[in-house]
Protein backbone atom coordinates (compact mmCIF):
# COMPACT_ATOMS: atom_id res chain seq x y z
CA MET A 1 60.03 -19.66 9.53
CA GLY A 2 56.35 -18.89 9.89
CA ILE A 3 56.10 -17.76 6.27
CA GLU A 4 57.85 -20.91 5.05
CA SER A 5 55.54 -23.08 7.15
CA ARG A 6 52.50 -21.21 5.83
CA PHE A 7 53.75 -21.63 2.25
CA ALA A 8 54.36 -25.36 2.75
CA GLU A 9 50.89 -25.76 4.23
CA ASP A 10 49.27 -23.88 1.34
CA ARG A 11 51.21 -25.97 -1.16
CA SER A 12 50.07 -29.13 0.57
CA GLN A 13 46.46 -27.92 0.43
CA VAL A 14 46.79 -27.18 -3.28
CA ALA A 15 48.18 -30.66 -3.88
CA TRP A 16 45.35 -32.29 -1.98
CA TRP A 17 42.78 -30.17 -3.82
CA ALA A 18 44.35 -31.20 -7.14
CA ILE A 19 44.13 -34.89 -6.20
CA THR A 20 40.54 -34.42 -5.04
CA VAL A 21 39.55 -32.67 -8.27
CA VAL A 22 41.16 -35.40 -10.42
CA VAL A 23 39.53 -38.24 -8.48
CA GLY A 24 36.19 -36.41 -8.46
CA ALA A 25 36.39 -35.81 -12.21
CA VAL A 26 37.07 -39.51 -12.84
CA LEU A 27 34.14 -40.51 -10.63
CA LEU A 28 31.84 -37.98 -12.30
CA TYR A 29 32.86 -39.30 -15.71
CA ALA A 30 32.11 -42.88 -14.64
CA VAL A 31 28.70 -41.85 -13.31
CA TYR A 32 27.99 -39.81 -16.45
CA GLU A 33 28.77 -42.79 -18.71
CA TYR A 34 26.16 -44.85 -16.85
CA LEU A 35 23.96 -42.02 -15.65
CA GLY A 36 20.79 -43.82 -16.70
CA ALA A 37 21.71 -46.90 -14.65
CA PHE A 38 22.52 -44.81 -11.56
CA VAL A 39 19.29 -42.80 -11.86
CA LEU A 40 17.33 -46.04 -12.29
CA GLY A 41 19.09 -47.40 -9.21
CA VAL A 42 18.03 -44.35 -7.19
CA PHE A 43 14.45 -44.85 -8.40
CA ILE A 44 14.49 -48.54 -7.41
CA TYR A 45 15.94 -47.56 -4.01
CA TYR A 46 13.15 -45.11 -3.24
CA ALA A 47 10.51 -47.43 -4.69
CA THR A 48 11.61 -50.33 -2.46
CA ARG A 49 12.47 -48.34 0.67
CA PRO A 50 8.93 -48.50 2.14
CA VAL A 51 9.05 -52.30 1.75
CA TYR A 52 12.53 -52.37 3.30
CA GLU A 53 11.34 -50.33 6.29
CA ARG A 54 8.34 -52.64 6.80
CA LEU A 55 10.74 -55.57 7.08
CA GLY A 56 12.82 -53.81 9.74
CA ASP A 57 11.07 -55.41 12.73
CA ARG A 58 11.11 -58.91 11.24
CA LEU A 59 14.62 -59.29 9.81
CA PRO A 60 17.66 -58.08 11.77
CA SER A 61 20.10 -58.37 8.87
CA ARG A 62 20.21 -55.25 6.68
CA SER A 63 21.61 -57.21 3.72
CA LEU A 64 18.82 -59.77 3.94
CA ARG A 65 16.21 -57.03 4.21
CA ALA A 66 17.60 -55.20 1.18
CA GLY A 67 17.75 -58.36 -0.92
CA LEU A 68 14.24 -59.44 0.07
CA ALA A 69 12.82 -55.97 -0.63
CA LEU A 70 14.28 -56.04 -4.14
CA VAL A 71 12.95 -59.56 -4.70
CA LEU A 72 9.46 -58.51 -3.58
CA ILE A 73 9.53 -55.71 -6.17
CA VAL A 74 11.06 -57.79 -8.98
CA LEU A 75 9.02 -60.96 -8.35
CA PRO A 76 5.67 -59.57 -9.59
CA ILE A 77 7.40 -58.44 -12.79
CA LEU A 78 8.87 -61.92 -13.32
CA LEU A 79 5.50 -63.56 -12.63
CA LEU A 80 3.85 -61.19 -15.11
CA LEU A 81 6.45 -62.07 -17.76
CA ALA A 82 5.96 -65.80 -17.10
CA TYR A 83 2.18 -65.41 -17.39
CA THR A 84 2.64 -63.46 -20.63
CA VAL A 85 4.86 -66.18 -22.09
CA ALA A 86 2.37 -68.88 -21.08
CA VAL A 87 -0.52 -67.03 -22.72
CA GLY A 88 1.62 -66.38 -25.81
CA VAL A 89 2.48 -70.06 -26.14
CA ARG A 90 -1.19 -70.96 -25.81
CA GLU A 91 -2.20 -68.46 -28.49
CA LEU A 92 0.55 -69.63 -30.85
CA SER A 93 -0.61 -73.21 -30.38
CA GLY A 94 -4.08 -72.11 -31.43
CA ILE A 95 -2.70 -70.34 -34.50
CA ALA A 96 -0.68 -73.41 -35.50
CA ALA A 97 -3.86 -75.45 -35.63
CA ALA A 98 -5.85 -72.74 -37.42
CA ASP A 99 -6.91 -72.70 -41.05
CA LEU A 100 -6.30 -69.47 -42.97
CA SER A 101 -8.63 -70.31 -45.83
CA ALA A 102 -11.13 -67.67 -44.70
CA TYR A 103 -8.51 -64.96 -45.33
CA GLN A 104 -6.86 -66.35 -48.46
CA GLU A 105 -8.61 -64.09 -50.95
CA THR A 106 -7.71 -60.97 -48.97
CA LEU A 107 -4.11 -61.90 -48.18
CA ARG A 108 -3.08 -63.62 -51.45
CA PRO A 109 -2.12 -60.39 -53.35
CA TYR A 110 0.25 -59.43 -50.52
CA VAL A 111 1.84 -62.64 -49.21
CA GLY A 112 1.27 -65.25 -51.92
CA ASP A 113 0.00 -68.80 -51.69
CA ALA A 114 3.02 -70.21 -49.89
CA VAL A 115 2.16 -68.53 -46.61
CA LEU A 116 -1.58 -69.10 -46.68
CA GLY A 117 -1.67 -72.76 -45.79
CA SER A 118 -1.81 -74.26 -42.34
CA PRO A 119 1.25 -73.33 -40.24
CA ARG A 120 1.56 -76.99 -39.34
CA GLU A 121 1.71 -77.94 -43.04
CA LEU A 122 4.36 -75.27 -43.69
CA LEU A 123 6.53 -76.60 -40.85
CA SER A 124 6.11 -80.18 -42.07
CA SER A 125 7.12 -79.13 -45.59
CA VAL A 126 10.30 -77.44 -44.35
CA LEU A 127 11.27 -80.42 -42.20
CA SER A 128 10.71 -82.89 -45.03
CA ASN A 129 12.70 -80.85 -47.57
CA PRO A 130 15.30 -78.66 -45.81
CA GLN A 131 17.07 -77.93 -49.12
CA GLN A 132 14.40 -75.40 -50.04
CA ILE A 133 15.76 -73.07 -47.35
CA GLN A 134 18.97 -72.74 -49.38
CA GLU A 135 17.04 -70.82 -52.04
CA PHE A 136 16.76 -67.93 -49.61
CA ALA A 137 19.91 -68.45 -47.49
CA THR A 138 22.41 -66.64 -49.75
CA PRO A 139 25.76 -65.48 -48.28
CA GLU A 140 24.57 -61.86 -48.35
CA THR A 141 21.39 -62.76 -46.50
CA ALA A 142 23.36 -64.77 -43.94
CA ARG A 143 25.72 -61.82 -43.38
CA GLN A 144 22.82 -59.41 -42.85
CA VAL A 145 21.14 -61.81 -40.44
CA ALA A 146 24.41 -62.25 -38.50
CA GLU A 147 24.95 -58.48 -38.29
CA ALA A 148 21.40 -57.91 -37.11
CA ALA A 149 21.70 -60.69 -34.53
CA GLY A 150 25.00 -59.25 -33.29
CA GLY A 151 23.47 -55.80 -32.97
CA TYR A 152 20.50 -57.11 -31.00
CA ALA A 153 22.80 -59.19 -28.79
CA GLY A 154 24.92 -56.11 -28.06
CA VAL A 155 21.86 -54.06 -27.11
CA PHE A 156 20.60 -56.90 -24.91
CA ALA A 157 23.98 -57.26 -23.17
CA ALA A 158 24.20 -53.49 -22.60
CA GLY A 159 20.70 -53.54 -21.12
CA LEU A 160 21.66 -56.35 -18.74
CA ILE A 161 24.73 -54.41 -17.60
CA GLN A 162 22.63 -51.30 -16.98
CA LEU A 163 20.08 -53.35 -15.03
CA PHE A 164 22.80 -55.00 -12.94
CA ILE A 165 24.32 -51.61 -12.05
CA ALA A 166 20.89 -50.22 -11.15
CA LEU A 167 20.07 -53.17 -8.88
CA ALA A 168 23.51 -52.99 -7.24
CA VAL A 169 23.09 -49.25 -6.58
CA ALA A 170 19.64 -49.84 -5.08
CA PHE A 171 20.86 -52.74 -2.92
CA TYR A 172 23.77 -50.87 -1.38
CA LEU A 173 21.71 -47.72 -0.86
CA LEU A 174 19.10 -49.76 1.00
CA ARG A 175 21.72 -51.48 3.11
CA ASP A 176 24.11 -48.59 3.79
CA ASP A 177 22.09 -45.40 3.34
CA PHE A 178 22.41 -44.59 7.05
CA LYS A 179 26.21 -44.56 6.65
CA LEU A 180 25.99 -42.18 3.70
CA ALA A 181 23.55 -39.94 5.59
CA GLY A 182 25.76 -39.93 8.67
CA TRP A 183 28.88 -39.08 6.65
CA VAL A 184 27.12 -36.22 4.86
CA ARG A 185 25.82 -34.80 8.13
CA SER A 186 29.09 -35.07 10.04
CA ALA A 187 31.65 -34.40 7.30
CA LEU A 188 29.86 -32.04 4.91
CA ALA A 189 26.94 -30.44 6.76
CA ARG A 190 28.66 -30.23 10.17
CA ASP A 191 26.87 -27.42 12.03
CA ASP A 192 24.82 -26.19 9.07
CA PRO A 193 21.19 -27.15 9.82
CA ALA A 194 19.99 -25.58 6.55
CA PHE A 195 22.05 -28.09 4.56
CA VAL A 196 20.56 -30.97 6.54
CA ALA A 197 17.04 -29.54 6.23
CA PHE A 198 17.49 -29.28 2.47
CA GLY A 199 18.68 -32.90 2.21
CA THR A 200 15.85 -34.15 4.43
CA ALA A 201 13.21 -32.35 2.37
CA VAL A 202 14.64 -33.67 -0.90
CA ASP A 203 14.81 -37.20 0.49
CA ARG A 204 11.20 -37.09 1.69
CA ASP A 205 9.78 -35.82 -1.60
CA LEU A 206 11.85 -38.19 -3.74
CA LYS A 207 10.42 -41.04 -1.70
CA THR A 208 6.91 -39.75 -2.37
CA VAL A 209 7.49 -39.16 -6.08
CA TYR A 210 9.27 -42.43 -6.87
CA PHE A 211 7.05 -44.68 -4.77
CA GLY A 212 4.13 -42.84 -6.36
CA ASN A 213 5.29 -44.22 -9.72
CA ILE A 214 4.75 -47.75 -8.43
CA LEU A 215 1.33 -46.81 -7.04
CA ASN A 216 0.46 -45.18 -10.36
CA ALA A 217 1.42 -48.36 -12.25
CA PHE A 218 -0.86 -50.36 -9.95
CA VAL A 219 -3.76 -47.93 -10.49
CA VAL A 220 -3.21 -47.99 -14.27
CA ALA A 221 -3.21 -51.80 -14.24
CA VAL A 222 -6.53 -51.90 -12.39
CA VAL A 223 -8.15 -49.23 -14.60
CA ALA A 224 -6.87 -50.90 -17.79
CA ALA A 225 -7.97 -54.39 -16.73
CA VAL A 226 -11.47 -53.15 -15.85
CA SER A 227 -11.73 -51.13 -19.09
CA TYR A 228 -10.50 -53.95 -21.32
CA ASN A 229 -12.83 -56.50 -19.71
CA ALA A 230 -15.76 -54.08 -20.08
CA LEU A 231 -14.90 -53.54 -23.75
CA ASP A 232 -14.61 -57.29 -24.23
CA VAL A 233 -18.16 -57.74 -22.92
CA ILE A 234 -19.60 -55.53 -25.69
CA ALA A 235 -17.20 -56.81 -28.36
CA PRO A 236 -18.62 -58.46 -31.49
CA PRO A 237 -18.02 -62.23 -31.48
CA ALA A 238 -15.31 -61.96 -34.15
CA LEU A 239 -13.41 -59.15 -32.38
CA SER A 240 -12.91 -60.29 -28.82
CA ILE A 241 -9.90 -58.82 -27.00
CA PRO A 242 -7.21 -61.46 -26.42
CA ALA A 243 -6.56 -61.94 -22.67
CA PRO A 244 -8.01 -58.59 -21.49
CA THR A 245 -6.85 -58.99 -17.88
CA LEU A 246 -3.29 -59.74 -18.99
CA LEU A 247 -3.35 -56.74 -21.31
CA GLY A 248 -4.43 -54.57 -18.38
CA LEU A 249 -1.56 -55.81 -16.21
CA LEU A 250 0.92 -55.28 -19.04
CA THR A 251 -0.45 -51.77 -19.56
CA GLY A 252 0.19 -50.95 -15.91
CA ALA A 253 3.75 -52.27 -16.14
CA ALA A 254 4.30 -50.40 -19.41
CA SER A 255 3.35 -47.11 -17.72
CA LEU A 256 6.86 -47.17 -16.22
CA ILE A 257 8.44 -47.17 -19.70
CA PRO A 258 9.64 -43.66 -20.63
CA VAL A 259 8.27 -41.77 -23.67
CA VAL A 260 6.10 -44.54 -25.20
CA GLY A 261 4.61 -45.84 -21.96
CA MET A 262 1.27 -47.64 -22.28
CA LYS A 263 1.18 -47.19 -26.05
CA VAL A 264 3.57 -50.10 -26.43
CA VAL A 265 0.68 -52.35 -25.31
CA TYR A 266 -2.58 -50.92 -26.61
CA VAL A 267 -1.40 -49.59 -30.01
CA PRO A 268 -0.56 -53.11 -31.34
CA VAL A 269 -3.96 -54.29 -30.06
CA VAL A 270 -5.62 -51.43 -31.96
CA PHE A 271 -3.88 -52.47 -35.19
CA TYR A 272 -4.85 -56.08 -34.54
CA LEU A 273 -8.52 -55.18 -34.07
CA PHE A 274 -8.53 -52.90 -37.13
CA GLY A 275 -7.01 -55.62 -39.31
CA LEU A 276 -9.37 -58.26 -37.98
CA SER A 277 -12.42 -56.07 -38.57
CA LEU A 278 -11.33 -55.32 -42.16
CA LEU A 279 -10.86 -59.02 -42.85
CA THR A 280 -14.18 -60.10 -41.32
CA ASP A 281 -16.68 -57.25 -41.67
CA PRO A 282 -15.79 -53.55 -42.25
CA ALA A 283 -19.03 -52.62 -40.52
CA LEU A 284 -17.36 -53.64 -37.26
CA LEU A 285 -14.80 -50.83 -37.46
CA TRP A 286 -16.69 -49.01 -34.72
CA TYR A 287 -15.25 -51.40 -32.16
CA PRO A 288 -11.51 -50.77 -32.72
CA ILE A 289 -12.30 -47.04 -32.84
CA ALA A 290 -14.08 -47.31 -29.48
CA PHE A 291 -11.15 -49.32 -28.10
CA LEU A 292 -8.71 -46.63 -29.24
CA LEU A 293 -10.78 -43.80 -27.76
CA VAL A 294 -11.11 -45.53 -24.38
CA SER A 295 -7.39 -46.30 -24.33
CA LEU A 296 -6.44 -42.72 -25.18
CA ALA A 297 -8.96 -40.90 -23.01
CA VAL A 298 -9.37 -43.11 -19.93
CA ILE A 299 -6.34 -45.38 -19.62
CA ASP A 300 -3.60 -43.19 -21.07
CA GLY A 301 -5.00 -39.67 -20.80
CA ALA A 302 -6.74 -39.56 -17.42
CA THR A 303 -4.20 -41.69 -15.55
CA GLU A 304 -1.12 -40.06 -17.08
CA LEU A 305 -2.22 -36.43 -16.95
CA LEU A 306 -4.31 -36.46 -13.77
CA LEU A 307 -3.49 -39.41 -11.52
CA ARG A 308 0.29 -39.66 -11.95
CA PRO A 309 1.09 -36.04 -10.96
CA TYR A 310 -1.36 -36.21 -8.05
CA ILE A 311 -0.16 -39.59 -6.74
CA SER A 312 3.54 -38.95 -7.32
CA GLY A 313 3.76 -35.34 -6.19
CA ARG A 314 1.43 -34.80 -3.27
CA ASN A 315 3.85 -32.32 -1.65
CA LEU A 316 4.73 -30.60 -4.95
CA HIS A 317 2.87 -28.47 -7.45
CA VAL A 318 0.92 -30.84 -9.73
CA GLY A 319 1.73 -28.83 -12.85
CA LEU A 320 5.46 -28.94 -12.15
CA VAL A 321 5.34 -32.70 -11.61
CA LEU A 322 3.42 -33.09 -14.88
CA PHE A 323 6.04 -31.10 -16.80
CA SER A 324 8.86 -33.09 -15.21
CA TYR A 325 7.32 -36.32 -16.51
CA ILE A 326 6.74 -34.86 -19.98
CA LEU A 327 10.01 -32.98 -20.49
CA GLY A 328 12.29 -35.42 -18.65
CA PRO A 329 12.16 -38.23 -21.25
CA LEU A 330 12.20 -35.74 -24.12
CA ILE A 331 15.38 -34.05 -22.87
CA PHE A 332 17.35 -36.85 -21.24
CA GLY A 333 16.08 -39.97 -23.00
CA TRP A 334 14.79 -43.17 -21.47
CA TYR A 335 15.95 -42.37 -17.92
CA GLY A 336 14.36 -38.91 -18.03
CA LEU A 337 11.20 -40.39 -16.51
CA PHE A 338 13.17 -40.73 -13.26
CA PHE A 339 15.74 -37.95 -13.72
CA GLY A 340 13.17 -35.23 -14.47
CA PRO A 341 11.35 -35.56 -11.12
CA LEU A 342 14.72 -35.71 -9.31
CA ILE A 343 15.78 -32.38 -10.83
CA LEU A 344 12.35 -30.92 -10.02
CA VAL A 345 12.53 -31.90 -6.35
CA VAL A 346 16.05 -30.48 -5.97
CA ALA A 347 15.11 -27.25 -7.76
CA VAL A 348 11.92 -26.73 -5.73
CA HIS A 349 13.67 -27.09 -2.39
CA LEU A 350 16.54 -24.90 -3.52
CA ALA A 351 13.90 -22.27 -4.28
CA ARG A 352 12.25 -22.81 -0.88
CA ILE A 353 15.31 -22.90 1.35
CA VAL A 354 18.34 -21.37 -0.32
CA LEU A 355 17.43 -18.99 -3.15
CA PRO A 356 15.54 -16.24 -1.22
CA GLU A 357 18.36 -15.89 1.32
CA LEU A 358 21.03 -15.87 -1.39
CA VAL A 359 19.20 -13.19 -3.37
CA HIS A 360 18.88 -10.92 -0.32
CA GLY A 361 22.36 -11.70 0.97
CA GLU A 362 21.04 -13.22 4.19
CA HIS A 363 22.08 -16.30 6.11
CA VAL A 364 20.31 -19.43 4.85
CA ASP A 365 17.50 -20.24 7.29
CA PRO A 366 16.48 -23.92 7.60
CA ALA A 367 12.94 -22.81 8.53
CA ALA A 368 12.53 -21.78 4.88
CA VAL A 369 11.84 -25.43 4.12
CA GLY A 370 8.13 -24.62 4.42
CA ARG A 371 8.03 -21.74 1.97
CA ASP A 372 6.16 -22.19 -1.27
CA PRO A 373 7.66 -20.55 -4.39
CA ILE A 374 4.29 -20.86 -6.14
CA PRO A 375 1.50 -19.18 -4.10
CA ASP A 376 -2.15 -20.08 -4.57
CA ALA A 377 -4.54 -17.99 -6.65
CA ASP A 378 -5.80 -16.15 -3.57
CA GLY A 379 -2.26 -15.08 -2.71
CA SER A 380 -1.81 -17.53 0.17
CA VAL A 381 1.53 -19.27 0.40
CA TYR A 382 2.76 -22.57 1.71
CA GLU A 383 3.91 -21.73 5.27
CA PRO A 384 5.15 -23.85 8.16
CA GLY A 385 2.49 -24.40 10.77
CA SER A 386 -0.32 -24.66 8.23
CA ASP A 387 -1.93 -28.01 7.51
CA GLU A 388 0.12 -28.42 4.35
CA GLY A 389 3.30 -27.14 5.93
CA ASP A 390 3.33 -29.38 8.99
CA ALA A 391 5.28 -32.12 7.24
CA ASP A 392 7.95 -29.67 6.14
CA ALA A 393 8.20 -28.13 9.60
CA VAL A 394 8.62 -31.55 11.21
CA ALA A 395 11.23 -32.49 8.62
CA CYS A 396 13.09 -29.24 9.25
CA GLU A 397 13.04 -29.78 13.02
CA GLU A 398 14.26 -33.37 12.70
CA ALA A 399 16.96 -32.33 10.25
CA THR A 400 18.15 -29.51 12.49
CA GLU A 401 18.31 -31.76 15.53
CA GLY A 402 20.11 -34.43 13.49
CA ALA A 403 22.97 -32.20 12.32
CA GLY A 404 26.34 -33.60 13.29
CA VAL A 405 25.17 -37.20 13.70
CA GLU A 406 28.12 -39.55 13.52
CA PRO A 407 28.13 -42.27 10.83
CA ASP A 408 28.08 -45.07 13.39
CA ALA A 409 24.97 -43.82 15.19
CA ARG A 410 22.86 -46.51 13.57
CA ASP A 411 20.09 -46.67 16.12
CA ASP A 412 19.37 -42.94 16.02
CA LEU A 413 19.32 -42.85 12.25
CA ASP A 414 17.11 -45.93 12.01
CA ALA A 415 14.70 -44.39 14.50
CA GLU A 416 14.60 -41.20 12.46
CA ARG A 417 13.93 -43.18 9.28
CA ALA A 418 11.09 -44.98 11.07
CA ARG A 419 9.57 -41.68 12.21
CA ASP A 420 9.80 -40.31 8.68
CA SER A 421 8.10 -43.44 7.33
CA GLU A 422 5.27 -43.21 9.85
CA GLY A 423 4.83 -39.53 9.05
């Protein structure tokens, strides 16, 4: 009877494991299909969490706090886009009233006489004689235009879906992260303080790295705005930089774009200045060259290679953070800017807490959270109790004490989050 009962119990366990594996595989597949959106959502969560925590004493509702924190992060981006559109409309209005006669001789061999008149005259001609459009609107041309428009619409719709998923992930993490943390500690970690110490250390450094991206974008915007305005002061009268302050703000926002980053802003301006100098006076080519050098060396080079790793990874090795930002987008694509640092943080704390004990066959010690896998040049290592290791030691102690916290212990978890924020 005992053997039959044992066999039935084992068979039941196998069945439950099979169901768990199937459900887990389906969930992993769903996350993999939209991995970029989920990673972006985690980034938005950590970027807005300091704002969310600041609102804790003012708004009792967690949902309201989460929504307001996201709005406070998204609102500056929307205002920047609105300002950009307003400046663009103003510049286009100026072009519509402009006369291109000064450039006719240079542009005529390439674009012909039809395009060289006043834009207002061209628009008036099309409105007065719409039949002339039919000369170009052949069925083949219409089909190509429709296919291109459909492709762009599909890409735009996919981008909106990804953005919606990312914002939803960030919102629910902000609102219910204490439930997730409590479930992990009580159901998975149980009495294993090393597991909790590892999770606490990863959480702390991800907060530093991801919020550091926002700080880096702000620093880049300030540096770019100051640099562009300084360059505009010494610019020849015919080569003034259009809206230098706006270009600086856009450069800071573009620093969050993977792979291309700030180049999406200043490279078109370089081409614009080069073309304008060739059309007006080739002797003025020194100015676009100076603009390019300042953009590459000061705005893009110094901020990307020096400031970003330092701001984003104050608790991590600067070189490792730099490589995570370089290799992440190259390996994983657009979301690698956020996924690379995540992998780095997890790998570093695995090396600090888990790997040495696993290699030597010892029990995993949560105090290993302070160990540094990369010692300094003088042979000193990153140890708990030192100035640099105090944060890790405190995190380890809090994590060890917090093992086994029940999911409904909201007050304790909120207090711990507040202590971590103040630290």
